Amino acid sequence: MAKDKQEGGEQPEIDLGRLGDFIGFRLRRIQNHLSRNFAARNADLNLRSGLFSSLAIIAANPGISQNLLSREVGLDKSATVQIVDDLEGRGWAERRRSSTDRRFYELVITEGGRQALAQLFANLEETERDVTSDLSDEERTLLLGLLDRIYQSRFRG
């Protein structure tokens, strides 16, 4: 069994056992760190899970439907409705009747949402820089490409 600290205060390496063979464990371990640090940087905003990514996708895709937003963020439709309600309540996004089909709503970001998003992205850049500082630009690009490739081939559509 590994001790909590070695002499000199360094953290010991531990054997991950079979967990070390799985991408999911390795991704989740990093995601947990990223999520904690991002939440701490944005504690004053009291962000619910999925709010930031939803706002970013709305900004990048003006007029997106709630259904498409739900699919892309990976949340069920009822959770997406709550997130959009929250975004509207904060004045960061609006639902507008579709100009092509009045049965549907389109989602658009507001000016307040753009300002909030700029700060959130600045905080995210700091958070990720902390985690990826040991990677070269080429390694970071490769990592992002591999993750996108897995997502596109297995989870999209």
C-alpha atoms as a PDB file:
ATOM      1  CA  MET A   1       0.000   0.000   0.000  1.00  0.00           C
ATOM      2  CA  ALA A   2       1.378   3.443  -0.924  1.00  0.00           C
ATOM      3  CA  LYS A   3       1.928   5.977   1.829  1.00  0.00           C
ATOM      4  CA  ASP A   4       0.309   9.397   1.483  1.00  0.00           C
ATOM      5  CA  LYS A   5       3.640  11.178   1.149  1.00  0.00           C
ATOM      6  CA  GLN A   6       7.209  10.106   0.602  1.00  0.00           C
ATOM      7  CA  GLU A   7      10.161  11.730   2.254  1.00  0.00           C
ATOM      8  CA  GLY A   8      10.581  15.247   0.888  1.00  0.00           C
ATOM      9  CA  GLY A   9       6.810  15.699   0.551  1.00  0.00           C
ATOM     10  CA  GLU A  10       6.509  14.195  -2.958  1.00  0.00           C
ATOM     11  CA  GLN A  11       3.415  12.226  -3.873  1.00  0.00           C
ATOM     12  CA  PRO A  12       4.227   8.570  -4.621  1.00  0.00           C
ATOM     13  CA  GLU A  13       3.265   6.921  -7.890  1.00  0.00           C
ATOM     14  CA  ILE A  14       0.612   4.299  -7.333  1.00  0.00           C
ATOM     15  CA  ASP A  15      -0.298   1.302  -9.429  1.00  0.00           C
ATOM     16  CA  LEU A  16      -3.626   1.857 -11.180  1.00  0.00           C
ATOM     17  CA  GLY A  17      -4.054  -1.861 -11.683  1.00  0.00           C
ATOM     18  CA  ARG A  18      -6.515  -2.688 -14.449  1.00  0.00           C
ATOM     19  CA  LEU A  19      -7.915   0.880 -14.333  1.00  0.00           C
ATOM     20  CA  GLY A  20      -4.778   2.015 -16.149  1.00  0.00           C
ATOM     21  CA  ASP A  21      -5.920   0.046 -19.206  1.00  0.00           C
ATOM     22  CA  PHE A  22      -9.057   2.136 -19.709  1.00  0.00           C
ATOM     23  CA  ILE A  23      -9.443   5.471 -21.488  1.00  0.00           C
ATOM     24  CA  GLY A  24     -12.582   6.317 -19.506  1.00  0.00           C
ATOM     25  CA  PHE A  25     -10.783   6.261 -16.169  1.00  0.00           C
ATOM     26  CA  ARG A  26      -7.940   8.403 -17.482  1.00  0.00           C
ATOM     27  CA  LEU A  27     -10.346  10.896 -19.080  1.00  0.00           C
ATOM     28  CA  ARG A  28     -12.536  11.078 -15.974  1.00  0.00           C
ATOM     29  CA  ARG A  29      -9.523  11.663 -13.714  1.00  0.00           C
ATOM     30  CA  ILE A  30      -8.497  14.688 -15.802  1.00  0.00           C
ATOM     31  CA  GLN A  31     -12.116  15.845 -16.224  1.00  0.00           C
ATOM     32  CA  ASN A  32     -12.618  15.826 -12.460  1.00  0.00           C
ATOM     33  CA  HIS A  33      -9.595  18.098 -12.023  1.00  0.00           C
ATOM     34  CA  LEU A  34     -10.718  20.423 -14.827  1.00  0.00           C
ATOM     35  CA  SER A  35     -14.276  20.619 -13.494  1.00  0.00           C
ATOM     36  CA  ARG A  36     -13.190  21.413  -9.936  1.00  0.00           C
ATOM     37  CA  ASN A  37     -10.803  24.152 -11.036  1.00  0.00           C
ATOM     38  CA  PHE A  38     -13.251  25.672 -13.540  1.00  0.00           C
ATOM     39  CA  ALA A  39     -16.025  25.674 -10.919  1.00  0.00           C
ATOM     40  CA  ALA A  40     -13.725  27.376  -8.405  1.00  0.00           C
ATOM     41  CA  ARG A  41     -12.829  30.093 -10.924  1.00  0.00           C
ATOM     42  CA  ASN A  42     -16.535  30.713 -11.572  1.00  0.00           C
ATOM     43  CA  ALA A  43     -17.956  30.153  -8.079  1.00  0.00           C
ATOM     44  CA  ASP A  44     -19.539  33.620  -8.048  1.00  0.00           C
ATOM     45  CA  LEU A  45     -21.734  32.680 -11.046  1.00  0.00           C
ATOM     46  CA  ASN A  46     -23.228  29.529  -9.486  1.00  0.00           C
ATOM     47  CA  LEU A  47     -23.146  27.672 -12.816  1.00  0.00           C
ATOM     48  CA  ARG A  48     -25.180  24.507 -13.183  1.00  0.00           C
ATOM     49  CA  SER A  49     -23.734  21.621 -15.159  1.00  0.00           C
ATOM     50  CA  GLY A  50     -24.118  22.136 -18.900  1.00  0.00           C
ATOM     51  CA  LEU A  51     -24.816  25.873 -18.748  1.00  0.00           C
ATOM     52  CA  PHE A  52     -21.455  27.063 -20.061  1.00  0.00           C
ATOM     53  CA  SER A  53     -21.243  24.520 -22.877  1.00  0.00           C
ATOM     54  CA  SER A  54     -24.843  25.245 -23.878  1.00  0.00           C
ATOM     55  CA  LEU A  55     -24.179  28.979 -24.016  1.00  0.00           C
ATOM     56  CA  ALA A  56     -21.032  28.424 -26.077  1.00  0.00           C
ATOM     57  CA  ILE A  57     -22.883  26.205 -28.568  1.00  0.00           C
ATOM     58  CA  ILE A  58     -25.740  28.714 -28.873  1.00  0.00           C
ATOM     59  CA  ALA A  59     -23.200  31.473 -29.560  1.00  0.00           C
ATOM     60  CA  ALA A  60     -21.482  29.396 -32.242  1.00  0.00           C
ATOM     61  CA  ASN A  61     -24.791  28.290 -33.822  1.00  0.00           C
ATOM     62  CA  PRO A  62     -27.285  31.177 -33.755  1.00  0.00           C
ATOM     63  CA  GLY A  63     -30.813  29.870 -34.189  1.00  0.00           C
ATOM     64  CA  ILE A  64     -30.015  26.331 -32.992  1.00  0.00           C
ATOM     65  CA  SER A  65     -33.010  24.348 -31.742  1.00  0.00           C
ATOM     66  CA  GLN A  66     -33.262  22.977 -28.225  1.00  0.00           C
ATOM     67  CA  ASN A  67     -33.273  19.447 -29.668  1.00  0.00           C
ATOM     68  CA  LEU A  68     -29.978  19.945 -31.479  1.00  0.00           C
ATOM     69  CA  LEU A  69     -28.486  21.681 -28.453  1.00  0.00           C
ATOM     70  CA  SER A  70     -29.563  18.776 -26.247  1.00  0.00           C
ATOM     71  CA  ARG A  71     -27.935  16.253 -28.583  1.00  0.00           C
ATOM     72  CA  GLU A  72     -24.667  18.142 -28.886  1.00  0.00           C
ATOM     73  CA  VAL A  73     -24.234  18.860 -25.171  1.00  0.00           C
ATOM     74  CA  GLY A  74     -25.241  15.286 -24.315  1.00  0.00           C
ATOM     75  CA  LEU A  75     -28.116  16.138 -21.987  1.00  0.00           C
ATOM     76  CA  ASP A  76     -31.675  14.878 -21.987  1.00  0.00           C
ATOM     77  CA  LYS A  77     -34.330  17.256 -23.285  1.00  0.00           C
ATOM     78  CA  SER A  78     -35.801  18.116 -19.878  1.00  0.00           C
ATOM     79  CA  ALA A  79     -32.360  19.128 -18.556  1.00  0.00           C
ATOM     80  CA  THR A  80     -31.842  21.261 -21.660  1.00  0.00           C
ATOM     81  CA  VAL A  81     -35.159  23.058 -21.053  1.00  0.00           C
ATOM     82  CA  GLN A  82     -34.002  23.907 -17.510  1.00  0.00           C
ATOM     83  CA  ILE A  83     -30.648  25.159 -18.800  1.00  0.00           C
ATOM     84  CA  VAL A  84     -32.293  27.359 -21.434  1.00  0.00           C
ATOM     85  CA  ASP A  85     -34.673  28.682 -18.760  1.00  0.00           C
ATOM     86  CA  ASP A  86     -31.622  29.512 -16.619  1.00  0.00           C
ATOM     87  CA  LEU A  87     -29.838  31.192 -19.549  1.00  0.00           C
ATOM     88  CA  GLU A  88     -32.926  33.302 -20.235  1.00  0.00           C
ATOM     89  CA  GLY A  89     -33.287  34.157 -16.551  1.00  0.00           C
ATOM     90  CA  ARG A  90     -29.696  35.412 -16.492  1.00  0.00           C
ATOM     91  CA  GLY A  91     -30.299  37.431 -19.654  1.00  0.00           C
ATOM     92  CA  TRP A  92     -27.647  35.441 -21.540  1.00  0.00           C
ATOM     93  CA  ALA A  93     -29.827  33.822 -24.229  1.00  0.00           C
ATOM     94  CA  GLU A  94     -33.298  34.087 -25.722  1.00  0.00           C
ATOM     95  CA  ARG A  95     -35.814  31.748 -27.307  1.00  0.00           C
ATOM     96  CA  ARG A  96     -37.271  33.188 -30.507  1.00  0.00           C
ATOM     97  CA  ARG A  97     -39.968  31.753 -32.725  1.00  0.00           C
ATOM     98  CA  SER A  98     -38.466  30.193 -35.815  1.00  0.00           C
ATOM     99  CA  SER A  99     -38.857  32.349 -38.891  1.00  0.00           C
ATOM    100  CA  THR A 100     -39.291  29.234 -41.041  1.00  0.00           C
ATOM    101  CA  ASP A 101     -41.533  27.136 -38.767  1.00  0.00           C
ATOM    102  CA  ARG A 102     -43.510  28.933 -36.054  1.00  0.00           C
ATOM    103  CA  ARG A 103     -43.954  25.663 -34.102  1.00  0.00           C
ATOM    104  CA  PHE A 104     -40.278  25.769 -33.086  1.00  0.00           C
ATOM    105  CA  TYR A 105     -38.017  28.092 -31.159  1.00  0.00           C
ATOM    106  CA  GLU A 106     -34.524  29.169 -32.103  1.00  0.00           C
ATOM    107  CA  LEU A 107     -31.942  29.967 -29.461  1.00  0.00           C
ATOM    108  CA  VAL A 108     -29.765  33.070 -29.691  1.00  0.00           C
ATOM    109  CA  ILE A 109     -27.176  34.602 -27.387  1.00  0.00           C
ATOM    110  CA  THR A 110     -27.674  38.119 -26.002  1.00  0.00           C
ATOM    111  CA  GLU A 111     -25.055  40.823 -25.504  1.00  0.00           C
ATOM    112  CA  GLY A 112     -24.981  39.965 -21.798  1.00  0.00           C
ATOM    113  CA  GLY A 113     -24.400  36.351 -22.775  1.00  0.00           C
ATOM    114  CA  ARG A 114     -21.491  37.357 -25.022  1.00  0.00           C
ATOM    115  CA  GLN A 115     -19.856  39.231 -22.143  1.00  0.00           C
ATOM    116  CA  ALA A 116     -20.366  36.321 -19.737  1.00  0.00           C
ATOM    117  CA  LEU A 117     -19.073  33.874 -22.351  1.00  0.00           C
ATOM    118  CA  ALA A 118     -15.902  35.915 -22.883  1.00  0.00           C
ATOM    119  CA  GLN A 119     -15.133  35.707 -19.152  1.00  0.00           C
ATOM    120  CA  LEU A 120     -16.018  32.020 -18.970  1.00  0.00           C
ATOM    121  CA  PHE A 121     -13.708  31.234 -21.896  1.00  0.00           C
ATOM    122  CA  ALA A 122     -10.888  33.230 -20.278  1.00  0.00           C
ATOM    123  CA  ASN A 123     -11.362  31.170 -17.105  1.00  0.00           C
ATOM    124  CA  LEU A 124     -11.481  27.943 -19.114  1.00  0.00           C
ATOM    125  CA  GLU A 125      -8.258  28.842 -20.932  1.00  0.00           C
ATOM    126  CA  GLU A 126      -6.521  29.323 -17.573  1.00  0.00           C
ATOM    127  CA  THR A 127      -7.916  26.040 -16.289  1.00  0.00           C
ATOM    128  CA  GLU A 128      -6.787  24.068 -19.335  1.00  0.00           C
ATOM    129  CA  ARG A 129      -3.410  25.805 -19.483  1.00  0.00           C
ATOM    130  CA  ASP A 130      -2.781  24.547 -15.948  1.00  0.00           C
ATOM    131  CA  VAL A 131      -3.466  20.964 -17.081  1.00  0.00           C
ATOM    132  CA  THR A 132      -1.834  20.953 -20.529  1.00  0.00           C
ATOM    133  CA  SER A 133       1.244  23.062 -19.824  1.00  0.00           C
ATOM    134  CA  ASP A 134       3.541  20.037 -20.243  1.00  0.00           C
ATOM    135  CA  LEU A 135       2.252  19.346 -23.779  1.00  0.00           C
ATOM    136  CA  SER A 136       3.703  20.917 -26.892  1.00  0.00           C
ATOM    137  CA  ASP A 137       1.352  22.632 -29.346  1.00  0.00           C
ATOM    138  CA  GLU A 138       1.661  19.595 -31.629  1.00  0.00           C
ATOM    139  CA  GLU A 139       0.834  17.178 -28.798  1.00  0.00           C
ATOM    140  CA  ARG A 140      -2.192  19.250 -27.775  1.00  0.00           C
ATOM    141  CA  THR A 141      -3.416  19.339 -31.389  1.00  0.00           C
ATOM    142  CA  LEU A 142      -2.920  15.571 -31.664  1.00  0.00           C
ATOM    143  CA  LEU A 143      -4.843  14.940 -28.414  1.00  0.00           C
ATOM    144  CA  LEU A 144      -7.759  17.118 -29.527  1.00  0.00           C
ATOM    145  CA  GLY A 145      -7.820  15.416 -32.924  1.00  0.00           C
ATOM    146  CA  LEU A 146      -7.858  11.929 -31.417  1.00  0.00           C
ATOM    147  CA  LEU A 147     -10.673  12.815 -29.020  1.00  0.00           C
ATOM    148  CA  ASP A 148     -12.688  14.357 -31.878  1.00  0.00           C
ATOM    149  CA  ARG A 149     -12.092  11.276 -34.014  1.00  0.00           C
ATOM    150  CA  ILE A 150     -13.430   8.975 -31.288  1.00  0.00           C
ATOM    151  CA  TYR A 151     -16.469  11.196 -30.763  1.00  0.00           C
ATOM    152  CA  GLN A 152     -17.253  11.605 -34.476  1.00  0.00           C
ATOM    153  CA  SER A 153     -16.955   7.902 -35.251  1.00  0.00           C
ATOM    154  CA  ARG A 154     -18.882   6.573 -32.250  1.00  0.00           C
ATOM    155  CA  PHE A 155     -21.222   9.114 -30.746  1.00  0.00           C
ATOM    156  CA  ARG A 156     -22.368  11.519 -33.419  1.00  0.00           C
ATOM    157  CA  GLY A 157     -25.532  10.859 -35.290  1.00  0.00           C
END
